[in-house]
Amino acid sequence: MKIKNALAFLILFGLVDQINGNIAMIEYESKGRILYSEVDLNLSACQPKEGDRVSFLKDYKIVTCGEKQ
């Protein structure tokens, strides 16, 4: 149970801003600021398209893909 809570704390939500090769640039908001994270698509659970909502681990991989806004 504690592991699930720790993982939930680490998962972020954002939008795929760009895809370059096997790297996706994710745009997300934190404390009122727009931030970016690069994640490796080879390690990710799904293959998103630009504009898709995703949940991800910062600077690591995408956990889930959603639909465009």
N, C-alpha and C. Protein backbone atom coordinates (compact mmCIF):
# COMPACT_ATOMS: atom_id res chain seq x y z
N MET A 1 0.82 -1.19 0.00
CA MET A 1 0.00 0.00 0.00
C MET A 1 0.87 1.25 0.00
N LYS A 2 1.94 1.27 0.77
CA LYS A 2 2.81 2.43 0.82
C LYS A 2 3.51 2.66 -0.51
N ILE A 3 3.82 1.59 -1.23
CA ILE A 3 4.47 1.72 -2.53
C ILE A 3 3.52 2.37 -3.52
N LYS A 4 2.24 1.98 -3.51
CA LYS A 4 1.25 2.59 -4.40
C LYS A 4 1.13 4.09 -4.12
N ASN A 5 1.10 4.46 -2.85
CA ASN A 5 1.00 5.88 -2.48
C ASN A 5 2.23 6.65 -2.94
N ALA A 6 3.40 6.05 -2.83
CA ALA A 6 4.64 6.71 -3.26
C ALA A 6 4.64 6.89 -4.77
N LEU A 7 4.20 5.88 -5.52
CA LEU A 7 4.14 5.99 -6.97
C LEU A 7 3.12 7.03 -7.41
N ALA A 8 1.99 7.10 -6.74
CA ALA A 8 0.97 8.09 -7.08
C ALA A 8 1.51 9.50 -6.91
N PHE A 9 2.37 9.69 -5.96
CA PHE A 9 2.98 11.00 -5.71
C PHE A 9 3.95 11.37 -6.84
N LEU A 10 4.59 10.40 -7.45
CA LEU A 10 5.59 10.66 -8.49
C LEU A 10 4.98 10.82 -9.88
N ILE A 11 3.78 10.34 -10.09
CA ILE A 11 3.16 10.41 -11.42
C ILE A 11 2.62 11.82 -11.67
N LEU A 12 2.99 12.37 -12.82
CA LEU A 12 2.56 13.70 -13.24
C LEU A 12 1.62 13.57 -14.43
N PHE A 13 0.88 14.63 -14.72
CA PHE A 13 -0.06 14.65 -15.84
C PHE A 13 0.26 15.84 -16.73
N GLY A 14 0.24 15.61 -18.04
CA GLY A 14 0.54 16.70 -18.96
C GLY A 14 0.10 16.38 -20.37
N LEU A 15 0.57 17.23 -21.31
CA LEU A 15 0.25 17.08 -22.73
C LEU A 15 1.53 16.87 -23.51
N VAL A 16 1.46 16.01 -24.53
CA VAL A 16 2.61 15.81 -25.40
C VAL A 16 2.73 17.04 -26.29
N ASP A 17 3.82 17.78 -26.13
CA ASP A 17 4.04 19.00 -26.89
C ASP A 17 4.72 18.69 -28.23
N GLN A 18 5.76 17.84 -28.19
CA GLN A 18 6.50 17.47 -29.40
C GLN A 18 6.99 16.04 -29.30
N ILE A 19 7.17 15.42 -30.46
CA ILE A 19 7.81 14.11 -30.53
C ILE A 19 8.94 14.21 -31.54
N ASN A 20 10.14 13.89 -31.10
CA ASN A 20 11.33 13.90 -31.96
C ASN A 20 12.02 12.55 -31.83
N GLY A 21 11.85 11.71 -32.86
CA GLY A 21 12.43 10.36 -32.79
C GLY A 21 11.77 9.56 -31.69
N ASN A 22 12.56 9.11 -30.74
CA ASN A 22 12.02 8.31 -29.63
C ASN A 22 11.91 9.12 -28.34
N ILE A 23 11.95 10.45 -28.44
CA ILE A 23 11.83 11.33 -27.28
C ILE A 23 10.57 12.17 -27.41
N ALA A 24 9.77 12.19 -26.34
CA ALA A 24 8.57 13.04 -26.30
C ALA A 24 8.80 14.17 -25.30
N MET A 25 8.45 15.38 -25.69
CA MET A 25 8.51 16.53 -24.80
C MET A 25 7.11 16.71 -24.21
N ILE A 26 7.01 16.60 -22.89
CA ILE A 26 5.74 16.70 -22.19
C ILE A 26 5.66 18.06 -21.51
N GLU A 27 4.55 18.75 -21.72
CA GLU A 27 4.30 20.04 -21.08
C GLU A 27 3.35 19.80 -19.91
N TYR A 28 3.69 20.33 -18.73
CA TYR A 28 2.83 20.16 -17.57
C TYR A 28 2.91 21.40 -16.69
N GLU A 29 1.95 21.53 -15.78
CA GLU A 29 1.91 22.68 -14.89
C GLU A 29 2.23 22.25 -13.47
N SER A 30 3.03 23.06 -12.80
CA SER A 30 3.36 22.81 -11.40
C SER A 30 3.48 24.15 -10.68
N LYS A 31 2.68 24.34 -9.67
CA LYS A 31 2.69 25.56 -8.87
C LYS A 31 2.52 26.81 -9.73
N GLY A 32 1.62 26.72 -10.72
CA GLY A 32 1.33 27.86 -11.57
C GLY A 32 2.33 28.14 -12.67
N ARG A 33 3.33 27.28 -12.83
CA ARG A 33 4.35 27.46 -13.87
C ARG A 33 4.23 26.34 -14.89
N ILE A 34 4.50 26.65 -16.16
CA ILE A 34 4.53 25.64 -17.22
C ILE A 34 5.95 25.08 -17.28
N LEU A 35 6.06 23.77 -17.16
CA LEU A 35 7.35 23.09 -17.18
C LEU A 35 7.35 22.04 -18.28
N TYR A 36 8.54 21.53 -18.59
CA TYR A 36 8.70 20.52 -19.64
C TYR A 36 9.53 19.37 -19.13
N SER A 37 9.25 18.18 -19.64
CA SER A 37 10.00 16.99 -19.31
C SER A 37 10.19 16.16 -20.58
N GLU A 38 11.40 15.67 -20.80
CA GLU A 38 11.66 14.78 -21.94
C GLU A 38 11.62 13.34 -21.45
N VAL A 39 10.83 12.52 -22.15
CA VAL A 39 10.71 11.11 -21.77
C VAL A 39 11.04 10.22 -22.96
N ASP A 40 11.54 9.04 -22.66
CA ASP A 40 11.94 8.06 -23.68
C ASP A 40 10.74 7.22 -24.08
N LEU A 41 10.36 7.28 -25.35
CA LEU A 41 9.21 6.51 -25.82
C LEU A 41 9.50 5.01 -25.87
N ASN A 42 10.76 4.61 -25.98
CA ASN A 42 11.11 3.18 -25.99
C ASN A 42 10.79 2.53 -24.65
N LEU A 43 10.80 3.30 -23.57
CA LEU A 43 10.51 2.76 -22.24
C LEU A 43 9.04 2.91 -21.86
N SER A 44 8.29 3.66 -22.65
CA SER A 44 6.92 4.02 -22.30
C SER A 44 5.92 2.90 -22.57
N ALA A 45 4.80 2.97 -21.85
CA ALA A 45 3.76 1.94 -21.94
C ALA A 45 2.89 2.09 -23.18
N CYS A 46 2.94 3.25 -23.84
CA CYS A 46 2.11 3.50 -25.02
C CYS A 46 2.84 4.49 -25.93
N GLN A 47 2.34 4.65 -27.12
CA GLN A 47 2.94 5.56 -28.11
C GLN A 47 1.98 6.71 -28.38
N PRO A 48 2.14 7.83 -27.69
CA PRO A 48 1.21 8.95 -27.86
C PRO A 48 1.49 9.74 -29.14
N LYS A 49 0.56 10.61 -29.45
CA LYS A 49 0.72 11.56 -30.55
C LYS A 49 0.75 12.96 -29.95
N GLU A 50 1.26 13.93 -30.70
CA GLU A 50 1.30 15.30 -30.20
C GLU A 50 -0.11 15.75 -29.83
N GLY A 51 -0.25 16.38 -28.67
CA GLY A 51 -1.54 16.85 -28.19
C GLY A 51 -2.24 15.89 -27.25
N ASP A 52 -1.77 14.65 -27.16
CA ASP A 52 -2.39 13.66 -26.26
C ASP A 52 -2.10 13.99 -24.80
N ARG A 53 -3.08 13.71 -23.95
CA ARG A 53 -2.87 13.79 -22.50
C ARG A 53 -2.15 12.51 -22.07
N VAL A 54 -1.22 12.65 -21.15
CA VAL A 54 -0.49 11.48 -20.65
C VAL A 54 -0.22 11.62 -19.16
N SER A 55 -0.03 10.49 -18.52
CA SER A 55 0.53 10.48 -17.16
C SER A 55 1.94 9.93 -17.33
N PHE A 56 2.88 10.49 -16.57
CA PHE A 56 4.28 10.14 -16.80
C PHE A 56 5.12 10.29 -15.55
N LEU A 57 6.28 9.68 -15.59
CA LEU A 57 7.29 9.84 -14.55
C LEU A 57 8.32 10.81 -15.11
N LYS A 58 8.56 11.90 -14.42
CA LYS A 58 9.39 13.00 -14.91
C LYS A 58 10.74 12.51 -15.44
N ASP A 59 11.06 12.96 -16.65
CA ASP A 59 12.33 12.66 -17.32
C ASP A 59 12.61 11.16 -17.45
N TYR A 60 11.55 10.33 -17.47
CA TYR A 60 11.76 8.89 -17.56
C TYR A 60 10.87 8.26 -18.63
N LYS A 61 9.56 8.07 -18.34
CA LYS A 61 8.69 7.39 -19.30
C LYS A 61 7.24 7.76 -19.09
N ILE A 62 6.44 7.47 -20.12
CA ILE A 62 4.99 7.68 -20.07
C ILE A 62 4.35 6.42 -19.49
N VAL A 63 3.41 6.63 -18.57
CA VAL A 63 2.74 5.51 -17.91
C VAL A 63 1.42 5.19 -18.62
N THR A 64 0.64 6.22 -18.95
CA THR A 64 -0.62 6.00 -19.68
C THR A 64 -0.82 7.11 -20.70
N CYS A 65 -1.53 6.79 -21.79
CA CYS A 65 -1.87 7.76 -22.81
C CYS A 65 -3.38 7.99 -22.79
N GLY A 66 -3.77 9.21 -23.11
CA GLY A 66 -5.18 9.54 -23.20
C GLY A 66 -5.48 10.13 -24.56
N GLU A 67 -6.56 10.87 -24.62
CA GLU A 67 -6.98 11.49 -25.87
C GLU A 67 -6.58 12.95 -25.90
N LYS A 68 -6.67 13.53 -27.10
CA LYS A 68 -6.40 14.96 -27.25
C LYS A 68 -7.44 15.76 -26.51
N GLN A 69 -7.05 16.97 -26.11
CA GLN A 69 -7.98 17.87 -25.42
C GLN A 69 -8.98 18.42 -26.38
